[in-house]
Amino acid sequence: MTSTGHNTKGEHLNDTRPRPLRTIGSIVGGLTALVAGLVGSGLLTEVQGSATTGVINAVVVLLGVFGLVVVGERKVTPTSDPRNDDGRPLAAHPAEVAD
């Protein structure tokens, strides 16, 4: 690291950008470790721990799919009613329209 707060690759170490993948990974890892700790201490049975971990994984997958759909919808032009960014209907170029 240099005296300017950059590492040797030139990346700034105090970057304040949102890191959603790191956040979700930390939350899921923390919850999974918590469940494992509860099973290890005897507060949950192994079956309860497995079920809880399964629910956590299912929620993560559903949120991931939902996020993918939301992001993808903004980037795809529907073929049933194509419109530009201003909301005007898209039309074929006059040279492409068959008479």
C-alpha atoms as a PDB file:
ATOM      1  CA  MET A   1       0.000   0.000   0.000  1.00  0.00           C
ATOM      2  CA  THR A   2       1.183   3.495  -0.775  1.00  0.00           C
ATOM      3  CA  SER A   3       0.866   6.615   1.365  1.00  0.00           C
ATOM      4  CA  THR A   4      -2.045   7.804  -0.812  1.00  0.00           C
ATOM      5  CA  GLY A   5      -4.329   4.970   0.269  1.00  0.00           C
ATOM      6  CA  HIS A   6      -3.890   2.909  -2.883  1.00  0.00           C
ATOM      7  CA  ASN A   7      -2.634  -0.645  -3.001  1.00  0.00           C
ATOM      8  CA  THR A   8       0.168  -1.698  -5.346  1.00  0.00           C
ATOM      9  CA  LYS A   9      -2.338  -2.333  -8.172  1.00  0.00           C
ATOM     10  CA  GLY A  10      -3.553   1.275  -8.050  1.00  0.00           C
ATOM     11  CA  GLU A  11      -6.943   0.430  -6.554  1.00  0.00           C
ATOM     12  CA  HIS A  12      -8.283   2.747  -3.902  1.00  0.00           C
ATOM     13  CA  LEU A  13      -8.780   0.914  -0.605  1.00  0.00           C
ATOM     14  CA  ASN A  14     -11.379   3.342   0.781  1.00  0.00           C
ATOM     15  CA  ASP A  15     -13.815   2.780  -2.083  1.00  0.00           C
ATOM     16  CA  THR A  16     -17.358   3.490  -0.858  1.00  0.00           C
ATOM     17  CA  ARG A  17     -19.195   1.873  -3.776  1.00  0.00           C
ATOM     18  CA  PRO A  18     -21.995  -0.498  -2.788  1.00  0.00           C
ATOM     19  CA  ARG A  19     -20.872  -4.115  -2.780  1.00  0.00           C
ATOM     20  CA  PRO A  20     -24.140  -6.114  -2.868  1.00  0.00           C
ATOM     21  CA  LEU A  21     -22.487  -9.468  -3.580  1.00  0.00           C
ATOM     22  CA  ARG A  22     -20.125  -9.073  -0.639  1.00  0.00           C
ATOM     23  CA  THR A  23     -23.003  -8.007   1.587  1.00  0.00           C
ATOM     24  CA  ILE A  24     -25.232 -10.934   0.599  1.00  0.00           C
ATOM     25  CA  GLY A  25     -22.307 -13.347   0.887  1.00  0.00           C
ATOM     26  CA  SER A  26     -21.539 -12.066   4.371  1.00  0.00           C
ATOM     27  CA  ILE A  27     -25.165 -12.340   5.479  1.00  0.00           C
ATOM     28  CA  VAL A  28     -25.607 -15.860   4.097  1.00  0.00           C
ATOM     29  CA  GLY A  29     -22.272 -16.966   5.548  1.00  0.00           C
ATOM     30  CA  GLY A  30     -23.168 -15.491   8.923  1.00  0.00           C
ATOM     31  CA  LEU A  31     -26.596 -17.140   8.990  1.00  0.00           C
ATOM     32  CA  THR A  32     -25.161 -20.488   7.938  1.00  0.00           C
ATOM     33  CA  ALA A  33     -22.475 -20.264  10.629  1.00  0.00           C
ATOM     34  CA  LEU A  34     -25.126 -19.318  13.189  1.00  0.00           C
ATOM     35  CA  VAL A  35     -27.237 -22.355  12.283  1.00  0.00           C
ATOM     36  CA  ALA A  36     -24.174 -24.607  12.451  1.00  0.00           C
ATOM     37  CA  GLY A  37     -23.339 -23.154  15.862  1.00  0.00           C
ATOM     38  CA  LEU A  38     -26.865 -23.745  17.129  1.00  0.00           C
ATOM     39  CA  VAL A  39     -26.750 -27.342  15.908  1.00  0.00           C
ATOM     40  CA  GLY A  40     -23.336 -27.844  17.489  1.00  0.00           C
ATOM     41  CA  SER A  41     -24.514 -26.475  20.831  1.00  0.00           C
ATOM     42  CA  GLY A  42     -27.591 -28.701  20.813  1.00  0.00           C
ATOM     43  CA  LEU A  43     -30.168 -25.908  20.556  1.00  0.00           C
ATOM     44  CA  LEU A  44     -31.227 -27.233  17.134  1.00  0.00           C
ATOM     45  CA  THR A  45     -31.278 -30.810  15.921  1.00  0.00           C
ATOM     46  CA  GLU A  46     -29.406 -31.735  12.767  1.00  0.00           C
ATOM     47  CA  VAL A  47     -32.711 -32.022  10.903  1.00  0.00           C
ATOM     48  CA  GLN A  48     -33.781 -28.555  12.050  1.00  0.00           C
ATOM     49  CA  GLY A  49     -30.380 -27.156  11.082  1.00  0.00           C
ATOM     50  CA  SER A  50     -30.547 -28.724   7.638  1.00  0.00           C
ATOM     51  CA  ALA A  51     -34.075 -27.427   7.113  1.00  0.00           C
ATOM     52  CA  THR A  52     -33.098 -23.922   8.197  1.00  0.00           C
ATOM     53  CA  THR A  53     -30.059 -23.928   5.911  1.00  0.00           C
ATOM     54  CA  GLY A  54     -32.278 -25.143   3.066  1.00  0.00           C
ATOM     55  CA  VAL A  55     -34.697 -22.266   3.635  1.00  0.00           C
ATOM     56  CA  ILE A  56     -31.823 -19.753   3.668  1.00  0.00           C
ATOM     57  CA  ASN A  57     -30.490 -21.142   0.386  1.00  0.00           C
ATOM     58  CA  ALA A  58     -33.953 -21.123  -1.211  1.00  0.00           C
ATOM     59  CA  VAL A  59     -34.495 -17.477  -0.250  1.00  0.00           C
ATOM     60  CA  VAL A  60     -31.102 -16.510  -1.687  1.00  0.00           C
ATOM     61  CA  VAL A  61     -31.880 -18.280  -4.976  1.00  0.00           C
ATOM     62  CA  LEU A  62     -35.318 -16.644  -5.228  1.00  0.00           C
ATOM     63  CA  LEU A  63     -33.885 -13.199  -4.540  1.00  0.00           C
ATOM     64  CA  GLY A  64     -31.168 -13.803  -7.119  1.00  0.00           C
ATOM     65  CA  VAL A  65     -33.660 -14.832  -9.789  1.00  0.00           C
ATOM     66  CA  PHE A  66     -35.934 -11.899  -8.962  1.00  0.00           C
ATOM     67  CA  GLY A  67     -32.982  -9.497  -9.201  1.00  0.00           C
ATOM     68  CA  LEU A  68     -31.927 -10.986 -12.529  1.00  0.00           C
ATOM     69  CA  VAL A  69     -35.448 -10.520 -13.918  1.00  0.00           C
ATOM     70  CA  VAL A  70     -35.675  -6.915 -12.717  1.00  0.00           C
ATOM     71  CA  VAL A  71     -32.297  -5.987 -14.182  1.00  0.00           C
ATOM     72  CA  GLY A  72     -32.907  -7.915 -17.404  1.00  0.00           C
ATOM     73  CA  GLU A  73     -36.332  -6.388 -18.078  1.00  0.00           C
ATOM     74  CA  ARG A  74     -34.777  -2.931 -18.314  1.00  0.00           C
ATOM     75  CA  LYS A  75     -32.386  -4.084 -21.025  1.00  0.00           C
ATOM     76  CA  VAL A  76     -34.785  -6.041 -23.252  1.00  0.00           C
ATOM     77  CA  THR A  77     -37.091  -4.551 -25.881  1.00  0.00           C
ATOM     78  CA  PRO A  78     -40.447  -6.332 -25.863  1.00  0.00           C
ATOM     79  CA  THR A  79     -41.488  -7.548 -29.308  1.00  0.00           C
ATOM     80  CA  SER A  80     -45.217  -7.059 -28.687  1.00  0.00           C
ATOM     81  CA  ASP A  81     -44.955  -3.248 -28.283  1.00  0.00           C
ATOM     82  CA  PRO A  82     -41.401  -2.003 -28.913  1.00  0.00           C
ATOM     83  CA  ARG A  83     -40.711   1.581 -27.818  1.00  0.00           C
ATOM     84  CA  ASN A  84     -37.637   3.786 -27.510  1.00  0.00           C
ATOM     85  CA  ASP A  85     -36.370   5.413 -24.301  1.00  0.00           C
ATOM     86  CA  ASP A  86     -38.796   8.317 -24.795  1.00  0.00           C
ATOM     87  CA  GLY A  87     -41.798   5.991 -25.020  1.00  0.00           C
ATOM     88  CA  ARG A  88     -42.369   6.468 -28.764  1.00  0.00           C
ATOM     89  CA  PRO A  89     -43.246   3.340 -30.760  1.00  0.00           C
ATOM     90  CA  LEU A  90     -40.395   1.925 -32.804  1.00  0.00           C
ATOM     91  CA  ALA A  91     -40.997   1.688 -36.543  1.00  0.00           C
ATOM     92  CA  ALA A  92     -39.174  -0.109 -39.326  1.00  0.00           C
ATOM     93  CA  HIS A  93     -37.012   1.931 -41.657  1.00  0.00           C
ATOM     94  CA  PRO A  94     -39.088   2.887 -44.752  1.00  0.00           C
ATOM     95  CA  ALA A  95     -36.621   1.069 -47.027  1.00  0.00           C
ATOM     96  CA  GLU A  96     -37.221  -2.143 -45.059  1.00  0.00           C
ATOM     97  CA  VAL A  97     -41.014  -2.041 -45.350  1.00  0.00           C
ATOM     98  CA  ALA A  98     -42.271  -4.215 -48.221  1.00  0.00           C
ATOM     99  CA  ASP A  99     -44.906  -2.616 -50.432  1.00  0.00           C
END
